[in-house]
Protein backbone atom coordinates (compact mmCIF):
# COMPACT_ATOMS: atom_id res chain seq x y z
CA MET A 1 82.89 105.96 159.74
CA PRO A 2 81.73 107.06 156.16
CA PRO A 3 84.48 107.03 153.48
CA LYS A 4 86.17 110.43 152.77
CA THR A 5 85.29 112.12 149.51
CA PRO A 6 88.26 112.09 147.12
CA ALA A 7 89.75 115.52 146.60
CA THR A 8 89.09 117.06 143.27
CA PRO A 9 92.05 118.57 141.22
CA ALA A 10 90.96 122.07 142.27
CA GLN A 11 90.89 120.95 145.95
CA SER A 12 94.29 119.24 145.96
CA ALA A 13 96.19 121.92 143.93
CA ALA A 14 98.43 124.19 145.81
CA PRO A 15 97.16 127.75 146.30
CA ALA A 16 98.46 130.35 143.94
CA GLY A 17 99.04 132.74 146.84
CA LEU A 18 97.84 133.68 150.30
CA PRO A 19 94.11 134.53 151.01
CA ARG A 20 92.98 138.09 151.89
CA ASN A 21 92.26 139.43 155.41
CA ILE A 22 94.96 137.66 157.35
CA GLU A 23 94.71 138.88 160.91
CA ILE A 24 98.04 140.26 162.42
CA PHE A 25 97.07 142.44 165.36
CA ARG A 26 94.27 143.23 167.91
CA ALA A 27 93.38 146.13 170.08
CA GLY A 28 94.36 145.84 173.81
CA ARG A 29 97.44 145.94 176.00
CA HIS A 30 100.39 144.19 174.46
CA THR A 31 104.06 143.76 175.59
CA ASP A 32 106.70 144.16 173.01
CA ASP A 33 110.01 142.12 172.80
CA SER A 34 111.71 144.56 175.13
CA GLY A 35 109.12 144.01 177.81
CA VAL A 36 107.43 147.42 177.38
CA VAL A 37 103.68 147.48 177.62
CA HIS A 38 101.62 149.40 175.01
CA SER A 39 97.96 150.05 174.90
CA PHE A 40 96.18 150.06 171.58
CA GLY A 41 92.57 151.18 171.06
CA GLU A 42 90.29 151.04 168.07
CA ALA A 43 91.50 154.47 166.94
CA GLU A 44 95.16 153.34 166.87
CA LEU A 45 94.17 150.26 164.68
CA ASP A 46 92.24 152.57 162.36
CA GLY A 47 95.27 154.82 162.13
CA MET A 48 97.57 151.87 161.35
CA ALA A 49 95.34 150.82 158.47
CA ALA A 50 94.89 154.38 157.14
CA SER A 51 98.61 155.32 157.35
CA TYR A 52 99.88 152.27 155.50
CA ASN A 53 101.13 153.23 151.98
CA PRO A 54 103.21 150.66 149.96
CA ALA A 55 104.56 153.51 147.81
CA LEU A 56 106.18 154.93 150.95
CA ARG A 57 107.47 151.73 152.51
CA GLU A 58 106.16 148.28 151.64
CA ALA A 59 106.12 145.82 154.58
CA PRO A 60 107.52 142.32 153.78
CA LEU A 61 106.33 138.93 154.82
CA THR A 62 109.10 137.24 156.74
CA VAL A 63 109.86 134.11 158.71
CA GLY A 64 110.36 135.03 162.29
CA HIS A 65 111.42 138.62 163.18
CA PRO A 66 114.66 139.41 161.25
CA LYS A 67 116.35 142.64 162.15
CA ASP A 68 116.84 143.69 158.51
CA ASN A 69 113.36 142.51 157.32
CA LEU A 70 115.02 139.98 155.04
CA PRO A 71 114.46 137.63 153.26
CA ALA A 72 111.03 138.68 152.05
CA TYR A 73 108.67 135.92 150.86
CA GLY A 74 105.86 138.26 149.85
CA TRP A 75 104.56 141.76 150.51
CA VAL A 76 101.72 143.49 152.23
CA LYS A 77 99.43 145.11 149.56
CA SER A 78 96.95 146.72 151.99
CA ILE A 79 95.80 146.81 155.63
CA GLN A 80 92.13 146.81 156.78
CA ARG A 81 89.96 145.91 159.69
CA ALA A 82 88.65 142.40 159.65
CA ALA A 83 84.99 141.55 160.57
CA SER A 84 86.27 140.42 163.93
CA GLY A 85 87.78 143.91 164.53
CA ALA A 86 91.41 142.72 164.27
CA LEU A 87 93.85 144.38 161.90
CA ALA A 88 94.22 142.31 158.76
CA ILE A 89 96.40 142.32 155.72
CA THR A 90 95.99 141.54 152.04
CA PRO A 91 99.32 140.01 150.81
CA HIS A 92 100.55 139.81 147.16
CA GLN A 93 103.56 138.84 145.21
CA VAL A 94 103.95 135.82 147.45
CA GLU A 95 106.59 133.09 146.66
CA PRO A 96 104.58 129.95 145.59
CA GLN A 97 106.73 127.69 147.71
CA PHE A 98 106.14 129.85 150.78
CA ALA A 99 102.35 129.84 150.11
CA GLU A 100 102.42 126.03 149.93
CA MET A 101 104.22 125.80 153.29
CA VAL A 102 101.71 128.15 154.88
CA SER A 103 98.88 126.10 153.42
CA ALA A 104 100.53 122.94 154.75
CA GLY A 105 100.41 124.38 158.23
CA ARG A 106 104.12 124.97 158.61
CA PHE A 107 103.42 128.61 159.73
CA LYS A 108 100.12 128.77 161.48
CA LYS A 109 100.69 131.96 163.55
CA ARG A 110 101.65 135.58 162.75
CA SER A 111 103.21 138.37 164.63
CA ALA A 112 103.48 141.95 163.49
CA SER A 113 106.38 144.37 163.84
CA PHE A 114 105.68 148.18 163.79
CA TYR A 115 107.67 151.40 163.64
CA THR A 116 106.83 153.53 166.70
CA PRO A 117 105.36 156.94 166.01
CA HIS A 118 108.67 158.56 166.79
CA ALA A 119 111.05 156.08 165.16
CA PRO A 120 113.65 157.66 162.84
CA ASN A 121 112.82 155.37 159.92
CA ASN A 122 108.96 155.73 160.31
CA PRO A 123 107.69 156.99 156.85
CA THR A 124 104.56 158.57 158.62
CA PRO A 125 105.86 160.29 161.77
CA GLY A 126 103.35 160.48 164.53
CA GLN A 127 101.55 157.21 163.53
CA TRP A 128 102.31 153.56 164.19
CA TYR A 129 103.52 151.99 160.82
CA LEU A 130 103.74 148.29 159.92
CA ARG A 131 107.38 147.20 159.56
CA HIS A 132 106.84 143.52 158.63
CA VAL A 133 104.56 140.53 159.29
CA ALA A 134 106.41 137.53 160.72
CA PHE A 135 105.18 134.01 160.05
CA LEU A 136 105.81 131.71 163.03
CA GLY A 137 106.14 127.98 163.39
CA ALA A 138 106.71 126.57 166.84
CA GLN A 139 107.17 130.08 168.16
CA PRO A 140 103.78 131.47 169.35
CA PRO A 141 102.81 134.98 168.31
CA ALA A 142 103.07 137.97 170.54
CA ILE A 143 99.39 138.61 170.00
CA ALA A 144 97.19 135.77 171.22
CA GLY A 145 93.89 134.84 169.67
CA LEU A 146 94.61 135.67 166.07
CA LYS A 147 92.70 133.42 163.62
CA ASP A 148 94.51 130.70 161.73
CA ILE A 149 94.83 131.11 157.90
CA ALA A 150 92.41 128.85 156.19
CA PHE A 151 92.54 128.15 152.50
CA SER A 152 89.28 127.52 150.71
CA GLU A 153 88.99 124.23 149.00
CA ASP A 154 87.83 125.77 145.81
CA ASP A 155 89.13 129.34 146.04
CA ALA A 156 92.84 130.34 146.38
CA GLY A 157 91.72 133.65 147.89
CA GLY A 158 89.72 131.74 150.50
CA ALA A 159 88.26 132.84 153.77
CA VAL A 160 89.83 133.18 157.38
CA SER A 161 88.62 130.64 159.89
CA PHE A 162 88.70 130.80 163.74
CA SER A 163 91.23 128.82 165.85
CA GLU A 164 91.95 128.32 169.57
CA PRO A 165 93.82 131.24 171.03
CA VAL A 166 97.58 130.75 171.60
CA THR A 167 99.11 131.93 174.75
CA ALA A 168 101.28 135.09 174.22
CA ASP A 169 104.99 134.45 174.61
CA PRO A 170 107.06 137.68 174.07
CA THR A 171 110.23 135.86 173.85
CA SER A 172 113.14 136.25 171.42
CA GLN A 173 112.74 136.03 167.69
CA GLU A 174 111.99 132.79 165.72
CA PRO A 175 114.92 130.45 165.07
CA THR A 176 116.24 130.66 161.59
CA ASP A 177 116.20 126.90 160.75
CA MET A 178 112.78 127.23 159.07
CA SER A 179 113.98 130.26 157.13
CA LYS A 180 117.04 128.36 155.93
CA GLU A 181 114.84 125.43 154.80
CA LEU A 182 112.44 127.73 152.98
CA GLN A 183 115.37 129.62 151.31
CA ALA A 184 116.82 126.26 150.11
CA GLN A 185 113.50 125.29 148.60
CA LEU A 186 113.25 128.72 146.86
CA ASP A 187 116.83 128.38 145.54
CA GLU A 188 115.95 125.03 144.16
CA ALA A 189 112.73 126.29 142.55
CA GLN A 190 114.67 129.16 140.97
CA ALA A 191 117.30 126.81 139.58
CA GLN A 192 114.51 124.67 138.07
CA LEU A 193 112.95 127.83 136.63
CA LYS A 194 116.26 128.87 135.09
CA ALA A 195 116.70 125.41 133.52
CA ALA A 196 113.15 125.46 132.20
CA ASN A 197 113.71 128.93 130.74
CA ALA A 198 116.97 127.67 129.11
CA THR A 199 115.13 124.64 127.68
CA ALA A 200 112.39 126.91 126.35
CA ALA A 201 114.83 129.29 124.74
CA LYS A 202 116.54 126.42 123.04
CA ALA A 203 113.21 125.06 121.77
CA THR A 204 112.35 128.50 120.42
CA ALA A 205 115.70 128.74 118.67
CA ASP A 206 115.34 125.31 117.13
CA ALA A 207 111.82 126.14 115.95
CA THR A 208 112.98 129.37 114.44
CA ALA A 209 115.89 127.63 112.66
CA ALA A 210 113.42 124.92 111.33
CA ILE A 211 111.06 127.64 110.03
CA GLN A 212 113.83 129.45 108.36
CA LYS A 213 115.05 126.12 106.82
CA ALA A 214 111.58 125.32 105.53
CA ALA A 215 111.23 128.87 104.09
CA THR A 216 114.55 128.48 102.27
CA ALA A 217 113.51 125.08 100.89
CA GLU A 218 110.18 126.54 99.84
CA ALA A 219 111.86 129.49 98.10
CA THR A 220 114.32 127.05 96.33
CA ALA A 221 111.50 124.83 95.19
CA ALA A 222 109.56 127.89 93.89
CA SER A 223 112.65 129.10 91.96
CA PHE A 224 113.12 125.60 90.40
CA ALA A 225 109.44 125.47 89.49
CA GLU A 226 109.60 128.83 87.91
CA GLN A 227 112.69 127.95 85.91
CA ALA A 228 111.01 124.72 84.85
CA ARG A 229 108.00 126.68 83.57
CA ALA A 230 110.30 129.01 81.64
CA ASP A 231 112.21 126.13 80.03
CA ARG A 232 108.91 124.45 79.17
CA LYS A 233 107.57 127.52 77.51
CA ALA A 234 110.81 127.97 75.51
CA GLY A 235 110.48 124.41 74.27
CA PHE A 236 106.86 125.15 73.20
CA VAL A 237 107.91 128.30 71.34
CA SER A 238 110.70 126.33 69.60
CA PHE A 239 108.17 123.66 68.59
CA ALA A 240 105.72 126.31 67.29
CA GLN A 241 108.44 128.07 65.22
CA ALA A 242 109.43 124.70 63.67
CA GLN A 243 105.83 124.07 62.61
CA VAL A 244 105.56 127.53 61.05
CA ALA A 245 108.78 126.89 59.15
CA ALA A 246 107.38 123.51 57.97
CA GLY A 247 104.27 125.16 56.79
CA ARG A 248 102.02 123.16 59.12
CA LEU A 249 101.20 126.27 61.24
CA LEU A 250 100.42 129.78 60.06
CA PRO A 251 102.69 132.46 61.53
CA LYS A 252 99.63 134.23 62.90
CA ASP A 253 98.65 131.14 64.94
CA GLN A 254 102.05 130.72 66.52
CA ALA A 255 101.37 132.56 69.78
CA MET A 256 97.90 130.87 70.18
CA ALA A 257 99.59 127.43 69.78
CA VAL A 258 102.14 128.24 72.52
CA ALA A 259 99.43 129.51 74.86
CA THR A 260 97.32 126.41 74.24
CA LEU A 261 100.32 124.17 74.99
CA GLU A 262 101.01 125.97 78.22
CA ALA A 263 97.35 125.52 79.27
CA LEU A 264 97.42 121.85 78.41
CA ALA A 265 100.75 121.26 80.07
CA ASP A 266 99.13 121.58 83.58
CA ALA A 267 96.24 119.22 82.71
CA LYS A 268 96.31 115.62 83.94
CA PRO A 269 97.43 112.87 81.57
CA VAL A 270 94.56 111.22 79.59
CA GLU A 271 94.11 107.42 79.37
CA PHE A 272 92.55 105.78 76.36
CA ALA A 273 92.36 102.41 74.70
CA GLU A 274 94.50 101.79 71.73
CA GLY A 275 93.88 98.21 70.51
CA ASP A 276 94.49 95.83 73.30
CA THR A 277 96.54 98.22 75.28
CA THR A 278 95.72 101.36 77.45
CA ARG A 279 97.77 104.46 76.52
CA LYS A 280 98.44 107.35 78.80
CA VAL A 281 99.28 110.70 77.15
CA SER A 282 99.48 114.23 78.37
CA PRO A 283 97.17 116.66 76.52
CA ALA A 284 100.15 118.90 75.59
CA GLN A 285 101.98 116.02 74.05
CA PHE A 286 98.94 114.81 72.15
CA PHE A 287 98.53 118.35 70.74
CA GLN A 288 102.06 118.52 69.68
CA ASP A 289 101.89 115.06 67.97
CA LEU A 290 98.71 116.06 66.24
CA LEU A 291 100.13 119.32 64.95
CA ALA A 292 103.39 117.75 63.90
CA ALA A 293 101.49 115.11 61.79
CA ALA A 294 99.20 117.67 60.05
CA PRO A 295 99.61 118.30 56.35
CA THR A 296 101.36 121.43 55.07
CA ALA A 297 99.01 124.35 55.26
CA VAL A 298 101.05 126.79 53.00
CA SER A 299 104.40 126.88 51.20
CA PHE A 300 106.64 129.91 51.13
CA GLY A 301 108.74 128.49 48.30
CA GLU A 302 108.38 128.99 44.58
CA PHE A 303 105.07 129.13 42.86
CA ALA A 304 105.15 127.60 39.43
CA PRO A 305 103.34 129.67 36.70
CA GLY A 306 99.76 128.53 36.07
CA LYS A 307 99.56 126.74 39.47
CA THR A 308 98.10 129.47 41.60
CA THR A 309 94.44 130.46 42.22
CA GLY A 310 92.47 133.43 43.18
CA GLN A 311 94.41 136.70 42.93
CA ILE A 312 97.77 134.96 42.64
CA GLN A 313 99.35 135.89 39.33
CA HIS A 314 101.77 133.73 37.24
CA GLY A 315 105.35 134.03 38.59
CA SER A 316 107.28 133.22 41.77
CA ALA A 317 108.26 134.67 45.02
CA ARG A 318 111.90 133.72 44.53
CA GLY A 319 114.30 135.87 46.57
CA LYS A 320 111.84 136.73 49.33
CA SER A 321 112.22 135.31 52.88
CA ASP A 322 109.40 133.83 54.87
CA ALA A 323 109.51 136.76 57.23
CA GLU A 324 109.17 139.22 54.38
CA ILE A 325 106.18 137.26 52.91
CA ASP A 326 104.50 136.95 56.35
CA THR A 327 104.90 140.70 57.07
CA ALA A 328 103.56 141.69 53.69
CA ALA A 329 100.64 139.22 54.00
CA ARG A 330 99.63 140.61 57.44
CA ALA A 331 99.74 144.20 56.08
CA TYR A 332 97.71 143.30 53.04
CA SER A 333 95.10 141.45 55.24
CA CYS A 334 94.65 144.46 57.49
CA THR A 335 94.47 147.01 54.49
CA HIS A 336 92.02 145.07 52.36
CA LYS A 337 90.10 143.38 55.15
CA VAL A 338 90.61 139.86 53.81
CA ASP A 339 91.66 136.60 55.48
CA TYR A 340 95.30 135.68 55.79
CA ALA A 341 95.21 132.98 53.02
CA GLU A 342 93.84 135.39 50.41
CA ALA A 343 96.31 138.05 51.57
CA LEU A 344 99.15 135.54 51.23
CA GLY A 345 98.16 134.73 47.61
CA ALA A 346 97.96 138.36 46.69
CA VAL A 347 101.39 139.33 48.07
CA THR A 348 102.90 136.23 46.68
CA ALA A 349 101.56 137.25 43.22
CA SER A 350 103.08 140.77 43.67
CA PHE A 351 106.44 139.19 44.30
CA THR A 352 106.40 137.41 40.97
CA SER A 353 109.60 138.12 38.94
């Protein structure tokens, strides 16, 4: 005997639902559960298919023939005539566990229950109307010769195959043991689904909390960084003001010096050899050290007679503050179109006592 081909994942996976065109009824003479014989022709089967409307009354899929049509393990979406001429259904909203049991051969046969044309609850008076489709285990169906349900190996909506006819046995309804077993499995599956939903909800809540915590930490870090930048700029401003007061930096260059220090502060440290050692210095610190060591560029103190040059006259600027001298020099530079040094000499001479 040749070895069997191993089933692929698609073949071994449980079907997502039941296939289309499941046969439930045939034309001919049939005896109901009460022993009454009915004759059904092709016209009656066509009328059953045409009159079915889920919006009026949707027929459930049941185990056995329950009087109240419950519990429902799926629903009949539509009724049509199969290629064999039998009346067939297209099921939908089928419980996965029920579909698995049908696929496993637990319910090989079906039996249909109809409302008679004159039944009080018939939604389409005058026509036979499908009440429910019963799936049977050991109990044979009331209609012999219906084809077994066959699931395609690679298609959950597979075809319907033929089976040996089953002798009709219009006895009482299916025992409820199978229904109880299926209900227990469904209850267990629902409990597992509820637990899985609770776990997923907790995971979502934890993820949301983690995202919020990370966002808070990021906002805090950004706030600290902004404050650090503000403090650093304040230090650069203080340094530049000190160099202006010391005469190493002209007042007009103070803003430029601060902007330069801010640009250099974000640059990587520079390494260079200094004798036998290697020194690492940040560009901003190097610029500060260089500026602090520069010679005095201008003095806002007294100017002794005979020591000035250019347009500076003999005398002194005693009694004038640095700010007053700087303001006057800037105004002179703009008015006379001269550089700051020449303007400074001119205004200093004008302040001579």
